[in-house]
Amino acid sequence: MRVKEPKTFIIAQAGVNHNGSVAAAKELIDIAAGAGADAVKFQTFHAERMVGGKAPKARYQQATTDPEETQFAMIKRLELDEEAHEALMAHAEEKNIEFLS
């Protein structure tokens, strides 16, 4: 008798690659589902709880974002509110992929 190997659970890391856009986040869900991932993972945070107003950007952030934009403003721009999360969870359910954050 052959033992069935457990299935690997694949998590697609969306992170903040939606750039604050719910439409882009839905596209990331679509891509993850189309690629056969079991789940798609975003980041949940509140900018006010995460970064101070005078915190500097990391070097890679300085090189890839508007140099006039503060660390706080950048993080705030990437934040998804509760309504966005609910919409993304519903979209993930429609696409038969688990939503993680």
PDB file of N, CA and C in Angstrom:
ATOM      1  N   MET A   1       0.843  -1.170   0.000  1.00  0.00           N
ATOM      2  CA  MET A   1       0.000   0.000   0.000  1.00  0.00           C
ATOM      3  C   MET A   1       0.894   1.241   0.000  1.00  0.00           C
ATOM      4  N   ARG A   2       0.571   2.161  -0.847  1.00  0.00           N
ATOM      5  CA  ARG A   2       1.347   3.385  -0.982  1.00  0.00           C
ATOM      6  C   ARG A   2       0.773   4.488  -0.089  1.00  0.00           C
ATOM      7  N   VAL A   3       1.651   5.175   0.632  1.00  0.00           N
ATOM      8  CA  VAL A   3       1.224   6.270   1.501  1.00  0.00           C
ATOM      9  C   VAL A   3       1.090   7.533   0.659  1.00  0.00           C
ATOM     10  N   LYS A   4      -0.032   8.201   0.823  1.00  0.00           N
ATOM     11  CA  LYS A   4      -0.273   9.438   0.082  1.00  0.00           C
ATOM     12  C   LYS A   4       0.529  10.569   0.723  1.00  0.00           C
ATOM     13  N   GLU A   5       1.320  11.272  -0.083  1.00  0.00           N
ATOM     14  CA  GLU A   5       2.114  12.401   0.385  1.00  0.00           C
ATOM     15  C   GLU A   5       1.191  13.581   0.669  1.00  0.00           C
ATOM     16  N   PRO A   6       1.455  14.322   1.744  1.00  0.00           N
ATOM     17  CA  PRO A   6       0.632  15.509   2.005  1.00  0.00           C
ATOM     18  C   PRO A   6       0.863  16.570   0.929  1.00  0.00           C
ATOM     19  N   LYS A   7      -0.185  17.307   0.618  1.00  0.00           N
ATOM     20  CA  LYS A   7      -0.100  18.368  -0.379  1.00  0.00           C
ATOM     21  C   LYS A   7       0.598  19.586   0.228  1.00  0.00           C
ATOM     22  N   THR A   8       1.477  20.180  -0.524  1.00  0.00           N
ATOM     23  CA  THR A   8       2.127  21.412  -0.091  1.00  0.00           C
ATOM     24  C   THR A   8       1.129  22.557  -0.217  1.00  0.00           C
ATOM     25  N   PHE A   9       1.056  23.382   0.814  1.00  0.00           N
ATOM     26  CA  PHE A   9       0.151  24.532   0.837  1.00  0.00           C
ATOM     27  C   PHE A   9       0.929  25.745   0.341  1.00  0.00           C
ATOM     28  N   ILE A  10       0.511  26.288  -0.782  1.00  0.00           N
ATOM     29  CA  ILE A  10       1.213  27.398  -1.425  1.00  0.00           C
ATOM     30  C   ILE A  10       0.549  28.729  -1.061  1.00  0.00           C
ATOM     31  N   ILE A  11       1.353  29.660  -0.522  1.00  0.00           N
ATOM     32  CA  ILE A  11       0.865  30.990  -0.167  1.00  0.00           C
ATOM     33  C   ILE A  11       1.535  32.010  -1.089  1.00  0.00           C
ATOM     34  N   ALA A  12       0.714  32.724  -1.845  1.00  0.00           N
ATOM     35  CA  ALA A  12       1.218  33.806  -2.697  1.00  0.00           C
ATOM     36  C   ALA A  12       1.336  35.064  -1.838  1.00  0.00           C
ATOM     37  N   GLN A  13       2.508  35.665  -1.810  1.00  0.00           N
ATOM     38  CA  GLN A  13       2.770  36.852  -0.987  1.00  0.00           C
ATOM     39  C   GLN A  13       2.455  38.107  -1.792  1.00  0.00           C
ATOM     40  N   ALA A  14       1.298  38.718  -1.517  1.00  0.00           N
ATOM     41  CA  ALA A  14       0.930  39.964  -2.184  1.00  0.00           C
ATOM     42  C   ALA A  14       1.527  41.161  -1.444  1.00  0.00           C
ATOM     43  N   GLY A  15       1.595  41.065  -0.121  1.00  0.00           N
ATOM     44  CA  GLY A  15       2.184  42.141   0.675  1.00  0.00           C
ATOM     45  C   GLY A  15       1.506  43.467   0.439  1.00  0.00           C
ATOM     46  N   VAL A  16       2.283  44.475   0.064  1.00  0.00           N
ATOM     47  CA  VAL A  16       1.743  45.801  -0.257  1.00  0.00           C
ATOM     48  C   VAL A  16       1.945  46.118  -1.741  1.00  0.00           C
ATOM     49  N   ASN A  17       2.115  45.079  -2.546  1.00  0.00           N
ATOM     50  CA  ASN A  17       2.350  45.274  -3.977  1.00  0.00           C
ATOM     51  C   ASN A  17       1.129  45.816  -4.723  1.00  0.00           C
ATOM     52  N   HIS A  18       0.040  46.062  -4.027  1.00  0.00           N
ATOM     53  CA  HIS A  18      -1.152  46.687  -4.593  1.00  0.00           C
ATOM     54  C   HIS A  18      -1.013  48.208  -4.631  1.00  0.00           C
ATOM     55  N   ASN A  19       0.013  48.732  -3.940  1.00  0.00           N
ATOM     56  CA  ASN A  19       0.271  50.181  -3.886  1.00  0.00           C
ATOM     57  C   ASN A  19      -0.921  50.994  -3.386  1.00  0.00           C
ATOM     58  N   GLY A  20      -1.728  50.380  -2.518  1.00  0.00           N
ATOM     59  CA  GLY A  20      -2.872  51.075  -1.946  1.00  0.00           C
ATOM     60  C   GLY A  20      -4.129  51.015  -2.782  1.00  0.00           C
ATOM     61  N   SER A  21      -4.105  50.298  -3.887  1.00  0.00           N
ATOM     62  CA  SER A  21      -5.245  50.202  -4.803  1.00  0.00           C
ATOM     63  C   SER A  21      -5.993  48.884  -4.585  1.00  0.00           C
ATOM     64  N   VAL A  22      -7.282  48.980  -4.268  1.00  0.00           N
ATOM     65  CA  VAL A  22      -8.092  47.774  -4.101  1.00  0.00           C
ATOM     66  C   VAL A  22      -8.203  47.026  -5.432  1.00  0.00           C
ATOM     67  N   ALA A  23      -8.315  47.759  -6.528  1.00  0.00           N
ATOM     68  CA  ALA A  23      -8.395  47.113  -7.850  1.00  0.00           C
ATOM     69  C   ALA A  23      -7.123  46.305  -8.128  1.00  0.00           C
ATOM     70  N   ALA A  24      -5.976  46.878  -7.821  1.00  0.00           N
ATOM     71  CA  ALA A  24      -4.718  46.157  -8.020  1.00  0.00           C
ATOM     72  C   ALA A  24      -4.632  44.955  -7.084  1.00  0.00           C
ATOM     73  N   ALA A  25      -5.130  45.105  -5.859  1.00  0.00           N
ATOM     74  CA  ALA A  25      -5.127  43.987  -4.912  1.00  0.00           C
ATOM     75  C   ALA A  25      -6.002  42.845  -5.423  1.00  0.00           C
ATOM     76  N   LYS A  26      -7.132  43.183  -6.014  1.00  0.00           N
ATOM     77  CA  LYS A  26      -7.998  42.150  -6.603  1.00  0.00           C
ATOM     78  C   LYS A  26      -7.288  41.449  -7.753  1.00  0.00           C
ATOM     79  N   GLU A  27      -6.537  42.191  -8.540  1.00  0.00           N
ATOM     80  CA  GLU A  27      -5.757  41.575  -9.621  1.00  0.00           C
ATOM     81  C   GLU A  27      -4.723  40.602  -9.062  1.00  0.00           C
ATOM     82  N   LEU A  28      -4.095  40.972  -7.955  1.00  0.00           N
ATOM     83  CA  LEU A  28      -3.117  40.079  -7.322  1.00  0.00           C
ATOM     84  C   LEU A  28      -3.793  38.797  -6.852  1.00  0.00           C
ATOM     85  N   ILE A  29      -5.019  38.907  -6.346  1.00  0.00           N
ATOM     86  CA  ILE A  29      -5.779  37.716  -5.956  1.00  0.00           C
ATOM     87  C   ILE A  29      -6.052  36.859  -7.181  1.00  0.00           C
ATOM     88  N   ASP A  30      -6.480  37.491  -8.272  1.00  0.00           N
ATOM     89  CA  ASP A  30      -6.769  36.765  -9.512  1.00  0.00           C
ATOM     90  C   ASP A  30      -5.535  36.021 -10.010  1.00  0.00           C
ATOM     91  N   ILE A  31      -4.396  36.688  -9.976  1.00  0.00           N
ATOM     92  CA  ILE A  31      -3.151  36.077 -10.454  1.00  0.00           C
ATOM     93  C   ILE A  31      -2.756  34.903  -9.569  1.00  0.00           C
ATOM     94  N   ALA A  32      -2.853  35.089  -8.258  1.00  0.00           N
ATOM     95  CA  ALA A  32      -2.510  34.012  -7.330  1.00  0.00           C
ATOM     96  C   ALA A  32      -3.423  32.807  -7.526  1.00  0.00           C
ATOM     97  N   ALA A  33      -4.717  33.066  -7.667  1.00  0.00           N
ATOM     98  CA  ALA A  33      -5.671  31.970  -7.882  1.00  0.00           C
ATOM     99  C   ALA A  33      -5.385  31.274  -9.215  1.00  0.00           C
ATOM    100  N   GLY A  34      -5.124  32.056 -10.237  1.00  0.00           N
ATOM    101  CA  GLY A  34      -4.827  31.488 -11.552  1.00  0.00           C
ATOM    102  C   GLY A  34      -3.555  30.667 -11.579  1.00  0.00           C
ATOM    103  N   ALA A  35      -2.620  31.014 -10.706  1.00  0.00           N
ATOM    104  CA  ALA A  35      -1.356  30.280 -10.634  1.00  0.00           C
ATOM    105  C   ALA A  35      -1.479  29.006  -9.799  1.00  0.00           C
ATOM    106  N   GLY A  36      -2.627  28.835  -9.160  1.00  0.00           N
ATOM    107  CA  GLY A  36      -2.842  27.620  -8.380  1.00  0.00           C
ATOM    108  C   GLY A  36      -2.459  27.724  -6.911  1.00  0.00           C
ATOM    109  N   ALA A  37      -2.221  28.937  -6.426  1.00  0.00           N
ATOM    110  CA  ALA A  37      -1.903  29.101  -5.000  1.00  0.00           C
ATOM    111  C   ALA A  37      -3.120  28.736  -4.161  1.00  0.00           C
ATOM    112  N   ASP A  38      -2.854  28.277  -2.954  1.00  0.00           N
ATOM    113  CA  ASP A  38      -3.932  27.936  -2.022  1.00  0.00           C
ATOM    114  C   ASP A  38      -4.422  29.157  -1.254  1.00  0.00           C
ATOM    115  N   ALA A  39      -3.530  30.129  -1.062  1.00  0.00           N
ATOM    116  CA  ALA A  39      -3.864  31.330  -0.301  1.00  0.00           C
ATOM    117  C   ALA A  39      -3.091  32.507  -0.860  1.00  0.00           C
ATOM    118  N   VAL A  40      -3.593  33.696  -0.567  1.00  0.00           N
ATOM    119  CA  VAL A  40      -2.904  34.933  -0.933  1.00  0.00           C
ATOM    120  C   VAL A  40      -2.804  35.769   0.343  1.00  0.00           C
ATOM    121  N   LYS A  41      -1.606  36.303   0.600  1.00  0.00           N
ATOM    122  CA  LYS A  41      -1.333  36.997   1.861  1.00  0.00           C
ATOM    123  C   LYS A  41      -1.032  38.473   1.624  1.00  0.00           C
ATOM    124  N   PHE A  42      -1.797  39.302   2.303  1.00  0.00           N
ATOM    125  CA  PHE A  42      -1.592  40.747   2.286  1.00  0.00           C
ATOM    126  C   PHE A  42      -1.045  41.174   3.644  1.00  0.00           C
ATOM    127  N   GLN A  43      -0.839  42.458   3.841  1.00  0.00           N
ATOM    128  CA  GLN A  43      -0.391  42.990   5.124  1.00  0.00           C
ATOM    129  C   GLN A  43      -1.466  43.903   5.688  1.00  0.00           C
ATOM    130  N   THR A  44      -1.739  43.732   6.962  1.00  0.00           N
ATOM    131  CA  THR A  44      -2.704  44.572   7.662  1.00  0.00           C
ATOM    132  C   THR A  44      -1.956  45.413   8.676  1.00  0.00           C
ATOM    133  N   PHE A  45      -2.143  46.707   8.617  1.00  0.00           N
ATOM    134  CA  PHE A  45      -1.475  47.591   9.569  1.00  0.00           C
ATOM    135  C   PHE A  45      -2.181  48.940   9.593  1.00  0.00           C
ATOM    136  N   HIS A  46      -1.901  49.695  10.636  1.00  0.00           N
ATOM    137  CA  HIS A  46      -2.338  51.083  10.769  1.00  0.00           C
ATOM    138  C   HIS A  46      -1.069  51.914  10.837  1.00  0.00           C
ATOM    139  N   ALA A  47      -0.891  52.805   9.904  1.00  0.00           N
ATOM    140  CA  ALA A  47       0.334  53.597   9.812  1.00  0.00           C
ATOM    141  C   ALA A  47       0.639  54.311  11.131  1.00  0.00           C
ATOM    142  N   GLU A  48      -0.396  54.815  11.777  1.00  0.00           N
ATOM    143  CA  GLU A  48      -0.195  55.555  13.029  1.00  0.00           C
ATOM    144  C   GLU A  48       0.415  54.680  14.128  1.00  0.00           C
ATOM    145  N   ARG A  49       0.170  53.395  14.071  1.00  0.00           N
ATOM    146  CA  ARG A  49       0.703  52.470  15.082  1.00  0.00           C
ATOM    147  C   ARG A  49       2.044  51.871  14.673  1.00  0.00           C
ATOM    148  N   MET A  50       2.442  52.112  13.447  1.00  0.00           N
ATOM    149  CA  MET A  50       3.600  51.418  12.908  1.00  0.00           C
ATOM    150  C   MET A  50       4.840  52.291  12.751  1.00  0.00           C
ATOM    151  N   VAL A  51       4.656  53.549  12.433  1.00  0.00           N
ATOM    152  CA  VAL A  51       5.811  54.393  12.130  1.00  0.00           C
ATOM    153  C   VAL A  51       5.587  55.809  12.669  1.00  0.00           C
ATOM    154  N   GLY A  52       6.638  56.385  13.206  1.00  0.00           N
ATOM    155  CA  GLY A  52       6.563  57.756  13.706  1.00  0.00           C
ATOM    156  C   GLY A  52       6.653  58.758  12.562  1.00  0.00           C
ATOM    157  N   GLY A  53       6.233  59.958  12.821  1.00  0.00           N
ATOM    158  CA  GLY A  53       6.209  60.997  11.795  1.00  0.00           C
ATOM    159  C   GLY A  53       7.574  61.408  11.279  1.00  0.00           C
ATOM    160  N   LYS A  54       8.620  61.143  12.027  1.00  0.00           N
ATOM    161  CA  LYS A  54       9.962  61.551  11.603  1.00  0.00           C
ATOM    162  C   LYS A  54      10.855  60.375  11.221  1.00  0.00           C
ATOM    163  N   ALA A  55      10.277  59.192  11.138  1.00  0.00           N
ATOM    164  CA  ALA A  55      11.072  58.007  10.783  1.00  0.00           C
ATOM    165  C   ALA A  55      11.570  58.127   9.345  1.00  0.00           C
ATOM    166  N   PRO A  56      12.842  57.850   9.112  1.00  0.00           N
ATOM    167  CA  PRO A  56      13.366  57.916   7.740  1.00  0.00           C
ATOM    168  C   PRO A  56      12.994  56.661   6.948  1.00  0.00           C
ATOM    169  N   LYS A  57      12.985  56.805   5.647  1.00  0.00           N
ATOM    170  CA  LYS A  57      12.773  55.649   4.776  1.00  0.00           C
ATOM    171  C   LYS A  57      14.050  54.817   4.731  1.00  0.00           C
ATOM    172  N   ALA A  58      13.866  53.529   4.477  1.00  0.00           N
ATOM    173  CA  ALA A  58      15.011  52.659   4.238  1.00  0.00           C
ATOM    174  C   ALA A  58      15.651  53.041   2.906  1.00  0.00           C
ATOM    175  N   ARG A  59      16.895  52.660   2.709  1.00  0.00           N
ATOM    176  CA  ARG A  59      17.600  53.033   1.463  1.00  0.00           C
ATOM    177  C   ARG A  59      16.868  52.571   0.216  1.00  0.00           C
ATOM    178  N   TYR A  60      16.375  51.325   0.233  1.00  0.00           N
ATOM    179  CA  TYR A  60      15.673  50.832  -0.960  1.00  0.00           C
ATOM    180  C   TYR A  60      14.400  51.638  -1.198  1.00  0.00           C
ATOM    181  N   GLN A  61      13.750  52.099  -0.130  1.00  0.00           N
ATOM    182  CA  GLN A  61      12.549  52.917  -0.286  1.00  0.00           C
ATOM    183  C   GLN A  61      12.907  54.294  -0.841  1.00  0.00           C
ATOM    184  N   GLN A  62      14.007  54.834  -0.396  1.00  0.00           N
ATOM    185  CA  GLN A  62      14.458  56.134  -0.905  1.00  0.00           C
ATOM    186  C   GLN A  62      14.745  56.049  -2.402  1.00  0.00           C
ATOM    187  N   ALA A  63      15.288  54.919  -2.827  1.00  0.00           N
ATOM    188  CA  ALA A  63      15.662  54.751  -4.230  1.00  0.00           C
ATOM    189  C   ALA A  63      14.459  54.478  -5.131  1.00  0.00           C
ATOM    190  N   THR A  64      13.359  53.971  -4.559  1.00  0.00           N
ATOM    191  CA  THR A  64      12.243  53.536  -5.401  1.00  0.00           C
ATOM    192  C   THR A  64      10.956  54.335  -5.220  1.00  0.00           C
ATOM    193  N   THR A  65      10.977  55.325  -4.326  1.00  0.00           N
ATOM    194  CA  THR A  65       9.762  56.126  -4.104  1.00  0.00           C
ATOM    195  C   THR A  65      10.108  57.611  -4.176  1.00  0.00           C
ATOM    196  N   ASP A  66       9.085  58.428  -4.150  1.00  0.00           N
ATOM    197  CA  ASP A  66       9.243  59.878  -4.196  1.00  0.00           C
ATOM    198  C   ASP A  66      10.091  60.336  -3.008  1.00  0.00           C
ATOM    199  N   PRO A  67      11.213  60.961  -3.260  1.00  0.00           N
ATOM    200  CA  PRO A  67      12.083  61.377  -2.157  1.00  0.00           C
ATOM    201  C   PRO A  67      11.446  62.436  -1.250  1.00  0.00           C
ATOM    202  N   GLU A  68      10.433  63.137  -1.731  1.00  0.00           N
ATOM    203  CA  GLU A  68       9.748  64.143  -0.921  1.00  0.00           C
ATOM    204  C   GLU A  68       8.695  63.528   0.004  1.00  0.00           C
ATOM    205  N   GLU A  69       8.299  62.292  -0.286  1.00  0.00           N
ATOM    206  CA  GLU A  69       7.283  61.617   0.512  1.00  0.00           C
ATOM    207  C   GLU A  69       7.924  61.066   1.791  1.00  0.00           C
ATOM    208  N   THR A  70       7.295  61.303   2.926  1.00  0.00           N
ATOM    209  CA  THR A  70       7.836  60.803   4.189  1.00  0.00           C
ATOM    210  C   THR A  70       7.553  59.303   4.337  1.00  0.00           C
ATOM    211  N   GLN A  71       8.274  58.669   5.251  1.00  0.00           N
ATOM    212  CA  GLN A  71       8.031  57.258   5.559  1.00  0.00           C
ATOM    213  C   GLN A  71       6.580  57.070   5.983  1.00  0.00           C
ATOM    214  N   PHE A  72       6.095  57.957   6.857  1.00  0.00           N
ATOM    215  CA  PHE A  72       4.713  57.855   7.315  1.00  0.00           C
ATOM    216  C   PHE A  72       3.737  57.971   6.153  1.00  0.00           C
ATOM    217  N   ALA A  73       3.921  58.950   5.281  1.00  0.00           N
ATOM    218  CA  ALA A  73       3.018  59.143   4.141  1.00  0.00           C
ATOM    219  C   ALA A  73       3.028  57.925   3.218  1.00  0.00           C
ATOM    220  N   MET A  74       4.200  57.348   3.007  1.00  0.00           N
ATOM    221  CA  MET A  74       4.295  56.167   2.155  1.00  0.00           C
ATOM    222  C   MET A  74       3.525  54.998   2.773  1.00  0.00           C
ATOM    223  N   ILE A  75       3.737  54.755   4.067  1.00  0.00           N
ATOM    224  CA  ILE A  75       3.050  53.653   4.742  1.00  0.00           C
ATOM    225  C   ILE A  75       1.543  53.898   4.761  1.00  0.00           C
ATOM    226  N   LYS A  76       1.141  55.126   5.018  1.00  0.00           N
ATOM    227  CA  LYS A  76      -0.286  55.468   5.035  1.00  0.00           C
ATOM    228  C   LYS A  76      -0.911  55.208   3.663  1.00  0.00           C
ATOM    229  N   ARG A  77      -0.187  55.516   2.605  1.00  0.00           N
ATOM    230  CA  ARG A  77      -0.684  55.309   1.233  1.00  0.00           C
ATOM    231  C   ARG A  77      -0.887  53.822   0.939  1.00  0.00           C
ATOM    232  N   LEU A  78      -0.111  52.971   1.568  1.00  0.00           N
ATOM    233  CA  LEU A  78      -0.182  51.526   1.326  1.00  0.00           C
ATOM    234  C   LEU A  78      -1.190  50.819   2.229  1.00  0.00           C
ATOM    235  N   GLU A  79      -1.723  51.536   3.183  1.00  0.00           N
ATOM    236  CA  GLU A  79      -2.657  50.971   4.161  1.00  0.00           C
ATOM    237  C   GLU A  79      -3.997  50.655   3.501  1.00  0.00           C
ATOM    238  N   LEU A  80      -4.536  49.485   3.809  1.00  0.00           N
ATOM    239  CA  LEU A  80      -5.880  49.116   3.360  1.00  0.00           C
ATOM    240  C   LEU A  80      -6.806  49.148   4.568  1.00  0.00           C
ATOM    241  N   ASP A  81      -7.936  49.837   4.456  1.00  0.00           N
ATOM    242  CA  ASP A  81      -8.855  49.938   5.589  1.00  0.00           C
ATOM    243  C   ASP A  81      -9.729  48.686   5.698  1.00  0.00           C
ATOM    244  N   GLU A  82     -10.573  48.662   6.714  1.00  0.00           N
ATOM    245  CA  GLU A  82     -11.422  47.496   6.979  1.00  0.00           C
ATOM    246  C   GLU A  82     -12.339  47.190   5.797  1.00  0.00           C
ATOM    247  N   GLU A  83     -12.899  48.213   5.204  1.00  0.00           N
ATOM    248  CA  GLU A  83     -13.786  48.025   4.047  1.00  0.00           C
ATOM    249  C   GLU A  83     -13.039  47.367   2.884  1.00  0.00           C
ATOM    250  N   ALA A  84     -11.816  47.796   2.646  1.00  0.00           N
ATOM    251  CA  ALA A  84     -11.003  47.196   1.583  1.00  0.00           C
ATOM    252  C   ALA A  84     -10.723  45.734   1.893  1.00  0.00           C
ATOM    253  N   HIS A  85     -10.388  45.442   3.146  1.00  0.00           N
ATOM    254  CA  HIS A  85     -10.138  44.050   3.525  1.00  0.00           C
ATOM    255  C   HIS A  85     -11.378  43.182   3.308  1.00  0.00           C
ATOM    256  N   GLU A  86     -12.523  43.698   3.667  1.00  0.00           N
ATOM    257  CA  GLU A  86     -13.763  42.941   3.466  1.00  0.00           C
ATOM    258  C   GLU A  86     -14.004  42.675   1.989  1.00  0.00           C
ATOM    259  N   ALA A  87     -13.779  43.670   1.145  1.00  0.00           N
ATOM    260  CA  ALA A  87     -13.946  43.490  -0.300  1.00  0.00           C
ATOM    261  C   ALA A  87     -12.956  42.464  -0.847  1.00  0.00           C
ATOM    262  N   LEU A  88     -11.728  42.506  -0.354  1.00  0.00           N
ATOM    263  CA  LEU A  88     -10.712  41.565  -0.823  1.00  0.00           C
ATOM    264  C   LEU A  88     -11.003  40.149  -0.337  1.00  0.00           C
ATOM    265  N   MET A  89     -11.485  40.019   0.888  1.00  0.00           N
ATOM    266  CA  MET A  89     -11.855  38.688   1.387  1.00  0.00           C
ATOM    267  C   MET A  89     -12.985  38.095   0.555  1.00  0.00           C
ATOM    268  N   ALA A  90     -13.972  38.908   0.212  1.00  0.00           N
ATOM    269  CA  ALA A  90     -15.087  38.436  -0.615  1.00  0.00           C
ATOM    270  C   ALA A  90     -14.592  38.042  -2.007  1.00  0.00           C
ATOM    271  N   HIS A  91     -13.697  38.839  -2.566  1.00  0.00           N
ATOM    272  CA  HIS A  91     -13.151  38.539  -3.886  1.00  0.00           C
ATOM    273  C   HIS A  91     -12.352  37.232  -3.862  1.00  0.00           C
ATOM    274  N   ALA A  92     -11.565  37.048  -2.816  1.00  0.00           N
ATOM    275  CA  ALA A  92     -10.785  35.813  -2.683  1.00  0.00           C
ATOM    276  C   ALA A  92     -11.714  34.603  -2.581  1.00  0.00           C
ATOM    277  N   GLU A  93     -12.797  34.753  -1.834  1.00  0.00           N
ATOM    278  CA  GLU A  93     -13.753  33.651  -1.706  1.00  0.00           C
ATOM    279  C   GLU A  93     -14.361  33.305  -3.064  1.00  0.00           C
ATOM    280  N   GLU A  94     -14.695  34.339  -3.852  1.00  0.00           N
ATOM    281  CA  GLU A  94     -15.224  34.113  -5.204  1.00  0.00           C
ATOM    282  C   GLU A  94     -14.230  33.355  -6.084  1.00  0.00           C
ATOM    283  N   LYS A  95     -12.948  33.617  -5.865  1.00  0.00           N
ATOM    284  CA  LYS A  95     -11.884  32.990  -6.670  1.00  0.00           C
ATOM    285  C   LYS A  95     -11.396  31.664  -6.060  1.00  0.00           C
ATOM    286  N   ASN A  96     -12.042  31.254  -4.960  1.00  0.00           N
ATOM    287  CA  ASN A  96     -11.711  29.975  -4.302  1.00  0.00           C
ATOM    288  C   ASN A  96     -10.254  29.911  -3.835  1.00  0.00           C
ATOM    289  N   ILE A  97      -9.808  30.991  -3.206  1.00  0.00           N
ATOM    290  CA  ILE A  97      -8.469  31.058  -2.646  1.00  0.00           C
ATOM    291  C   ILE A  97      -8.585  31.674  -1.248  1.00  0.00           C
ATOM    292  N   GLU A  98      -7.811  31.182  -0.305  1.00  0.00           N
ATOM    293  CA  GLU A  98      -7.857  31.713   1.046  1.00  0.00           C
ATOM    294  C   GLU A  98      -7.196  33.093   1.116  1.00  0.00           C
ATOM    295  N   PHE A  99      -7.775  33.949   1.922  1.00  0.00           N
ATOM    296  CA  PHE A  99      -7.236  35.290   2.152  1.00  0.00           C
ATOM    297  C   PHE A  99      -6.516  35.285   3.499  1.00  0.00           C
ATOM    298  N   LEU A 100      -5.275  35.723   3.499  1.00  0.00           N
ATOM    299  CA  LEU A 100      -4.506  35.826   4.730  1.00  0.00           C
ATOM    300  C   LEU A 100      -3.971  37.246   4.865  1.00  0.00           C
ATOM    301  N   SER A 101      -3.823  37.672   6.096  1.00  0.00           N
ATOM    302  CA  SER A 101      -3.199  38.960   6.338  1.00  0.00           C
ATOM    303  C   SER A 101      -2.656  38.982   7.745  1.00  0.00           C
TER     304      SER A 101
END
